[in-house]
């Protein structure tokens, strides 16, 4: 064991919270390392003196004073203290706002709306009416273009219409 892990286990050793294996390993390190042994003895002497001191009981009003101070801090913090409790959050919110403004300024400007001449509106209306008239055929256009069975049928030059009741 080197001194790094031994220093981390020093307080647990003095408090008696190490497992038997960890305790043996720590004591073996103390036998080898003079610096850790001196540090452990220094901590042990402070630990013993602290153990002799009487336990202090807080005053009866201590709890009320702490709660009042916490409430006062919350009131002073206000709305923004609740929403942005740390400088990191404030920085992140500001950066997000600046980035969104910058990105919105990069969008292309809207093109001006141009109105067609008056005669063109009538022609467009006639073309639209023709499309509406052929709408059932246009709805099936994709089906008809991909229907391969129609290309295999023989082409008839002049088909005569026969009334249905003659068949």
Protein backbone atom coordinates (compact mmCIF):
# COMPACT_ATOMS: atom_id res chain seq x y z
CA UNK A 1 0.00 0.00 0.00
CA UNK A 2 1.37 3.42 -0.84
CA UNK A 3 0.65 6.61 1.10
CA UNK A 4 -2.26 7.83 -1.10
CA UNK A 5 -4.74 5.07 -0.20
CA UNK A 6 -3.43 4.99 3.38
CA UNK A 7 -4.22 8.68 3.88
CA UNK A 8 -7.76 8.11 2.62
CA UNK A 9 -8.29 5.29 5.13
CA UNK A 10 -6.77 7.12 8.12
CA UNK A 11 -10.00 8.51 9.58
CA UNK A 12 -11.85 5.23 9.01
CA UNK A 13 -9.00 3.43 10.81
CA UNK A 14 -9.18 5.75 13.82
CA UNK A 15 -12.97 5.48 13.88
CA UNK A 16 -12.81 1.66 13.72
CA UNK A 17 -14.77 1.38 10.47
CA UNK A 18 -12.25 -0.64 8.43
CA UNK A 19 -12.75 -4.33 7.75
CA UNK A 20 -10.29 -6.76 9.34
CA UNK A 21 -8.36 -7.17 6.07
CA UNK A 22 -8.20 -3.41 5.47
CA UNK A 23 -7.11 -2.84 9.09
CA UNK A 24 -4.27 -5.40 8.77
CA UNK A 25 -3.15 -3.86 5.47
CA UNK A 26 -3.21 -0.35 6.98
CA UNK A 27 -1.24 -1.44 10.08
CA UNK A 28 1.32 -3.20 7.84
CA UNK A 29 1.76 0.08 5.97
CA UNK A 30 2.21 1.94 9.28
CA UNK A 31 5.01 -0.49 10.22
CA UNK A 32 6.85 0.42 7.01
CA UNK A 33 6.04 4.14 6.53
CA UNK A 34 7.31 6.54 9.21
CA UNK A 35 5.45 9.57 7.79
CA UNK A 36 2.06 7.83 7.88
CA UNK A 37 2.77 6.48 11.37
CA UNK A 38 3.53 10.02 12.68
CA UNK A 39 0.45 11.39 10.95
CA UNK A 40 -1.70 8.63 12.47
CA UNK A 41 -0.31 9.33 15.96
CA UNK A 42 -1.01 13.06 15.53
CA UNK A 43 -4.57 12.37 14.40
CA UNK A 44 -5.05 9.89 17.25
CA UNK A 45 -4.00 12.50 19.85
CA UNK A 46 -6.41 15.07 18.38
CA UNK A 47 -9.10 12.36 18.20
CA UNK A 48 -8.62 11.54 21.89
CA UNK A 49 -8.79 15.22 22.94
CA UNK A 50 -11.97 15.71 20.92
CA UNK A 51 -13.47 12.66 22.59
CA UNK A 52 -12.95 14.25 26.03
CA UNK A 53 -14.87 17.42 25.16
CA UNK A 54 -18.49 17.60 26.29
CA UNK A 55 -21.17 17.36 23.63
CA UNK A 56 -22.75 20.75 23.03
CA UNK A 57 -26.50 20.93 22.74
CA UNK A 58 -27.92 23.65 20.51
CA UNK A 59 -30.08 26.30 22.09
CA UNK A 60 -33.85 25.73 21.93
CA UNK A 61 -34.31 28.59 19.44
CA UNK A 62 -31.50 27.43 17.12
CA UNK A 63 -33.83 25.47 14.85
CA UNK A 64 -36.23 28.40 14.53
CA UNK A 65 -33.39 30.82 13.71
CA UNK A 66 -32.04 28.53 11.00
CA UNK A 67 -35.46 28.15 9.40
CA UNK A 68 -36.07 31.91 9.52
CA UNK A 69 -32.72 32.58 7.87
CA UNK A 70 -33.43 30.05 5.11
CA UNK A 71 -36.80 31.69 4.45
CA UNK A 72 -35.12 35.10 4.32
CA UNK A 73 -32.56 33.83 1.81
CA UNK A 74 -35.34 32.40 -0.36
CA UNK A 75 -37.23 35.70 -0.32
CA UNK A 76 -34.10 37.66 -1.23
CA UNK A 77 -33.28 35.32 -4.09
CA UNK A 78 -36.70 35.98 -5.63
CA UNK A 79 -37.96 34.52 -8.88
CA UNK A 80 -34.64 34.55 -10.79
CA UNK A 81 -32.81 32.90 -7.93
CA UNK A 82 -35.19 29.98 -8.23
CA UNK A 83 -35.04 29.71 -12.02
CA UNK A 84 -31.31 30.34 -12.47
CA UNK A 85 -29.69 29.11 -9.25
CA UNK A 86 -26.12 29.03 -10.54
CA UNK A 87 -23.89 31.14 -12.75
CA UNK A 88 -23.51 28.17 -15.11
CA UNK A 89 -27.25 28.08 -15.73
CA UNK A 90 -27.31 31.86 -16.28
CA UNK A 91 -24.46 31.58 -18.78
CA UNK A 92 -26.11 28.66 -20.58
CA UNK A 93 -29.43 30.51 -20.84
CA UNK A 94 -27.71 33.63 -22.17
CA UNK A 95 -25.70 31.62 -24.69
CA UNK A 96 -28.86 29.87 -25.89
CA UNK A 97 -30.64 33.19 -26.32
CA UNK A 98 -27.75 34.73 -28.26
CA UNK A 99 -27.43 31.64 -30.47
CA UNK A 100 -31.15 31.60 -31.28
CA UNK A 101 -31.12 35.31 -32.19
CA UNK A 102 -28.04 34.80 -34.35
CA UNK A 103 -29.53 31.78 -36.13
CA UNK A 104 -32.80 33.57 -36.79
CA UNK A 105 -30.90 36.43 -38.42
CA UNK A 106 -29.27 33.97 -40.85
CA UNK A 107 -32.58 32.91 -42.40
CA UNK A 108 -33.10 34.26 -45.92
CA UNK A 109 -35.29 37.29 -46.15
CA UNK A 110 -38.78 36.73 -47.40
CA UNK A 111 -39.26 37.37 -51.10
CA UNK A 112 -41.68 40.13 -52.04
CA UNK A 113 -45.08 38.98 -53.27
CA UNK A 114 -45.71 39.82 -56.91
CA UNK A 115 -49.21 39.88 -58.32
CA UNK A 116 -49.81 38.49 -61.84
CA UNK A 117 -51.43 40.67 -64.50
CA UNK A 118 -55.24 40.70 -64.64
CA UNK A 119 -55.49 38.64 -67.86
CA UNK A 120 -53.35 35.85 -66.45
CA UNK A 121 -55.84 35.25 -63.66
CA UNK A 122 -58.52 34.30 -66.18
CA UNK A 123 -56.19 31.88 -67.98
CA UNK A 124 -55.17 30.30 -64.67
CA UNK A 125 -58.82 29.87 -63.74
CA UNK A 126 -59.56 28.02 -67.00
CA UNK A 127 -56.54 25.76 -66.50
CA UNK A 128 -57.61 25.04 -62.92
CA UNK A 129 -61.13 24.22 -64.10
CA UNK A 130 -59.71 21.73 -66.62
CA UNK A 131 -57.71 20.07 -63.84
CA UNK A 132 -60.76 19.84 -61.61
CA UNK A 133 -62.79 18.34 -64.45
CA UNK A 134 -60.15 15.60 -64.96
CA UNK A 135 -59.57 15.07 -61.25
CA UNK A 136 -60.85 11.44 -61.10
CA UNK A 137 -58.41 10.49 -63.88
CA UNK A 138 -55.56 12.41 -62.21
CA UNK A 139 -56.20 10.62 -58.92
CA UNK A 140 -55.62 7.27 -60.66
CA UNK A 141 -52.69 8.50 -62.78
CA UNK A 142 -50.03 6.79 -60.63
CA UNK A 143 -51.92 3.50 -60.82
CA UNK A 144 -52.40 3.74 -64.58
CA UNK A 145 -48.74 4.56 -65.29
CA UNK A 146 -47.48 1.62 -63.26
CA UNK A 147 -50.05 -0.87 -64.56
CA UNK A 148 -47.97 -3.12 -66.87
CA UNK A 149 -50.88 -5.33 -67.94
CA UNK A 150 -52.25 -2.55 -70.16
CA UNK A 151 -49.10 -2.52 -72.30
CA UNK A 152 -49.53 -6.22 -73.11
CA UNK A 153 -53.04 -5.79 -74.59
CA UNK A 154 -53.33 -5.55 -78.38
CA UNK A 155 -54.13 -2.11 -79.65
CA UNK A 156 -57.50 -1.85 -81.46
CA UNK A 157 -57.74 0.68 -84.20
CA UNK A 158 -61.39 1.51 -84.16
CA UNK A 159 -63.50 0.15 -81.41
CA UNK A 160 -67.18 0.41 -82.01
CA UNK A 161 -69.41 1.08 -79.09
CA UNK A 162 -72.06 -1.56 -78.67
CA UNK A 163 -75.09 -0.98 -76.53
CA UNK A 164 -75.15 -3.06 -73.38
CA UNK A 165 -78.52 -4.64 -74.06
CA UNK A 166 -77.29 -6.20 -77.36
CA UNK A 167 -74.63 -8.31 -75.72
